[in-house]
Amino acid sequence: MNVLAETIDRRPSLPRWKYWVSNFLQTHLPKRFKRLIFIASTLGVLDWMKEADMDTLKEVNQVLDLANDPAAIEFPLVKYHWMWQQVPVTVNLEDGPPNFYNLARNLIKTAPTYMVYGSTDEVASDLQTLYRSILEQKTSAPLAS
């Protein structure tokens, strides 16, 4: 038996076909697409948006430059529970800004490997931008830096 097969057999929580699909997606999806899926699904995971509000999605898309069409953000947002096995944490927008580095670290640890697109610092920066964008859209007033 080869080493790869032994490794797969030692992963009882992940069926063999899911491992192969996940591995394929991890190695073949472009970084831009991984970022889109990660950021959009994070809106649902963190409970910042549970349903698509096109004005907010357009703003998020404009600020983070995720997709050519803001409607592309809608699917990962509303189907986040298909992508994430567990929800690591929720962050209430009204409680003030979270520690973005720790939040990014927890999300990267919990996210499916095929969705992780960058370093903890890169994800933390995107989460901070996302947080500010969502909060500004909800309050309809720009936040001071």
Protein backbone atom coordinates (compact mmCIF):
# COMPACT_ATOMS: atom_id res chain seq x y z
CA MET A 1 0.00 0.00 0.00
CA ASN A 2 1.39 3.40 -0.89
CA VAL A 3 1.77 6.31 1.53
CA LEU A 4 -1.06 8.38 0.00
CA ALA A 5 -3.55 5.50 0.35
CA GLU A 6 -2.48 4.97 3.96
CA THR A 7 -2.96 8.67 4.67
CA ILE A 8 -6.45 8.62 3.16
CA ASP A 9 -7.39 5.51 5.14
CA ARG A 10 -6.38 7.28 8.38
CA ARG A 11 -8.90 10.08 7.83
CA PRO A 12 -12.08 8.47 9.17
CA SER A 13 -14.04 11.74 9.37
CA LEU A 14 -13.60 12.47 5.66
CA PRO A 15 -14.86 9.92 3.12
CA ARG A 16 -12.38 9.05 0.40
CA TRP A 17 -14.35 10.80 -2.39
CA LYS A 18 -14.61 14.02 -0.34
CA TYR A 19 -10.88 13.94 0.26
CA TRP A 20 -10.19 13.64 -3.49
CA VAL A 21 -12.70 16.40 -4.35
CA SER A 22 -11.30 18.68 -1.66
CA ASN A 23 -7.73 18.01 -2.78
CA PHE A 24 -8.64 18.68 -6.42
CA LEU A 25 -10.38 21.96 -5.53
CA GLN A 26 -7.52 23.04 -3.29
CA THR A 27 -4.96 22.60 -6.05
CA HIS A 28 -7.01 23.70 -9.08
CA LEU A 29 -9.19 26.61 -7.97
CA PRO A 30 -7.63 30.01 -8.67
CA LYS A 31 -6.83 32.16 -5.63
CA ARG A 32 -9.38 34.81 -6.71
CA PHE A 33 -12.18 32.22 -6.73
CA LYS A 34 -11.12 30.77 -3.34
CA ARG A 35 -11.14 34.31 -1.93
CA LEU A 36 -14.64 34.94 -3.31
CA ILE A 37 -16.00 31.73 -1.76
CA PHE A 38 -14.22 32.29 1.56
CA ILE A 39 -15.26 35.93 1.99
CA ALA A 40 -18.85 35.47 0.79
CA SER A 41 -19.48 32.37 2.90
CA THR A 42 -17.87 34.09 5.90
CA LEU A 43 -20.67 36.66 5.80
CA GLY A 44 -23.07 33.82 6.65
CA VAL A 45 -20.74 31.97 9.02
CA LEU A 46 -20.13 35.06 11.15
CA ASP A 47 -23.82 35.94 11.04
CA TRP A 48 -23.09 39.33 9.46
CA MET A 49 -25.60 38.60 6.69
CA LYS A 50 -27.95 35.64 6.43
CA GLU A 51 -29.85 36.77 3.38
CA ALA A 52 -28.62 38.56 0.33
CA ASP A 53 -29.06 42.32 0.35
CA MET A 54 -27.92 43.34 -3.14
CA ASP A 55 -26.93 46.88 -2.10
CA THR A 56 -24.63 45.53 0.59
CA LEU A 57 -23.28 42.81 -1.71
CA LYS A 58 -22.49 45.45 -4.35
CA GLU A 59 -20.67 47.53 -1.75
CA VAL A 60 -18.70 44.53 -0.46
CA ASN A 61 -17.83 43.56 -4.02
CA GLN A 62 -16.70 47.07 -4.87
CA VAL A 63 -14.54 47.40 -1.76
CA LEU A 64 -12.96 43.92 -1.90
CA ASP A 65 -13.04 43.42 -5.69
CA LEU A 66 -14.34 39.85 -5.41
CA ALA A 67 -16.19 39.28 -8.70
CA ASN A 68 -17.16 40.96 -11.95
CA ASP A 69 -20.82 40.48 -11.03
CA PRO A 70 -21.92 41.04 -7.39
CA ALA A 71 -24.58 38.36 -7.86
CA ALA A 72 -21.72 35.81 -7.75
CA ILE A 73 -21.40 36.52 -4.03
CA GLU A 74 -24.97 35.47 -3.34
CA PHE A 75 -24.57 31.68 -3.73
CA PRO A 76 -21.72 31.18 -1.21
CA LEU A 77 -23.49 33.53 1.19
CA VAL A 78 -26.78 31.65 1.30
CA LYS A 79 -25.21 28.16 1.01
CA TYR A 80 -22.38 28.64 3.52
CA HIS A 81 -23.69 25.77 5.66
CA TRP A 82 -22.96 23.38 2.78
CA MET A 83 -19.33 24.48 2.71
CA TRP A 84 -18.48 24.75 6.40
CA GLN A 85 -18.63 21.61 8.58
CA GLN A 86 -18.74 23.67 11.74
CA VAL A 87 -19.25 27.32 12.50
CA PRO A 88 -16.26 28.52 14.52
CA VAL A 89 -17.64 31.73 15.97
CA THR A 90 -20.18 34.46 15.45
CA VAL A 91 -19.29 38.12 15.72
CA ASN A 92 -22.01 40.61 16.49
CA LEU A 93 -21.48 43.81 14.51
CA GLU A 94 -22.85 45.95 17.31
CA ASP A 95 -20.29 44.63 19.85
CA GLY A 96 -17.44 46.56 18.25
CA PRO A 97 -14.59 45.33 16.12
CA PRO A 98 -13.20 41.88 16.94
CA ASN A 99 -9.52 40.93 16.97
CA PHE A 100 -9.26 40.32 13.23
CA TYR A 101 -6.04 38.32 13.40
CA ASN A 102 -7.50 35.84 15.91
CA LEU A 103 -10.74 35.70 13.94
CA ALA A 104 -8.82 34.97 10.72
CA ARG A 105 -6.77 32.29 12.46
CA ASN A 106 -9.93 30.57 13.77
CA LEU A 107 -11.66 30.75 10.39
CA ILE A 108 -8.64 29.35 8.55
CA LYS A 109 -8.44 26.49 11.05
CA THR A 110 -12.11 25.65 10.54
CA ALA A 111 -12.56 26.38 6.83
CA PRO A 112 -12.38 23.62 4.24
CA THR A 113 -8.84 23.59 2.85
CA TYR A 114 -9.99 24.38 -0.67
CA MET A 115 -11.34 27.77 0.48
CA VAL A 116 -8.17 29.03 2.21
CA TYR A 117 -6.64 31.56 -0.14
CA GLY A 118 -3.91 33.33 1.80
CA SER A 119 -1.98 33.94 4.98
CA THR A 120 -3.58 34.81 8.30
CA ASP A 121 -2.50 38.44 7.84
CA GLU A 122 -4.09 38.61 4.38
CA VAL A 123 -7.36 37.08 5.60
CA ALA A 124 -7.37 39.35 8.69
CA SER A 125 -6.96 42.42 6.47
CA ASP A 126 -9.84 41.30 4.23
CA LEU A 127 -12.03 40.57 7.27
CA GLN A 128 -11.34 44.03 8.66
CA THR A 129 -12.25 45.62 5.32
CA LEU A 130 -15.35 43.42 5.09
CA TYR A 131 -16.40 44.32 8.65
CA ARG A 132 -16.03 48.05 8.00
CA SER A 133 -17.89 47.80 4.69
CA ILE A 134 -20.84 45.92 6.21
CA LEU A 135 -21.00 48.24 9.20
CA GLU A 136 -20.88 51.35 7.00
CA GLN A 137 -23.61 49.96 4.76
CA LYS A 138 -25.83 49.21 7.78
CA THR A 139 -25.28 52.63 9.34
CA SER A 140 -25.10 54.43 5.95
CA ALA A 141 -22.20 56.54 7.22
CA PRO A 142 -18.48 56.18 6.51
CA LEU A 143 -16.42 55.09 9.50
CA ALA A 144 -13.32 57.02 10.51
CA SER A 145 -10.04 55.15 10.01
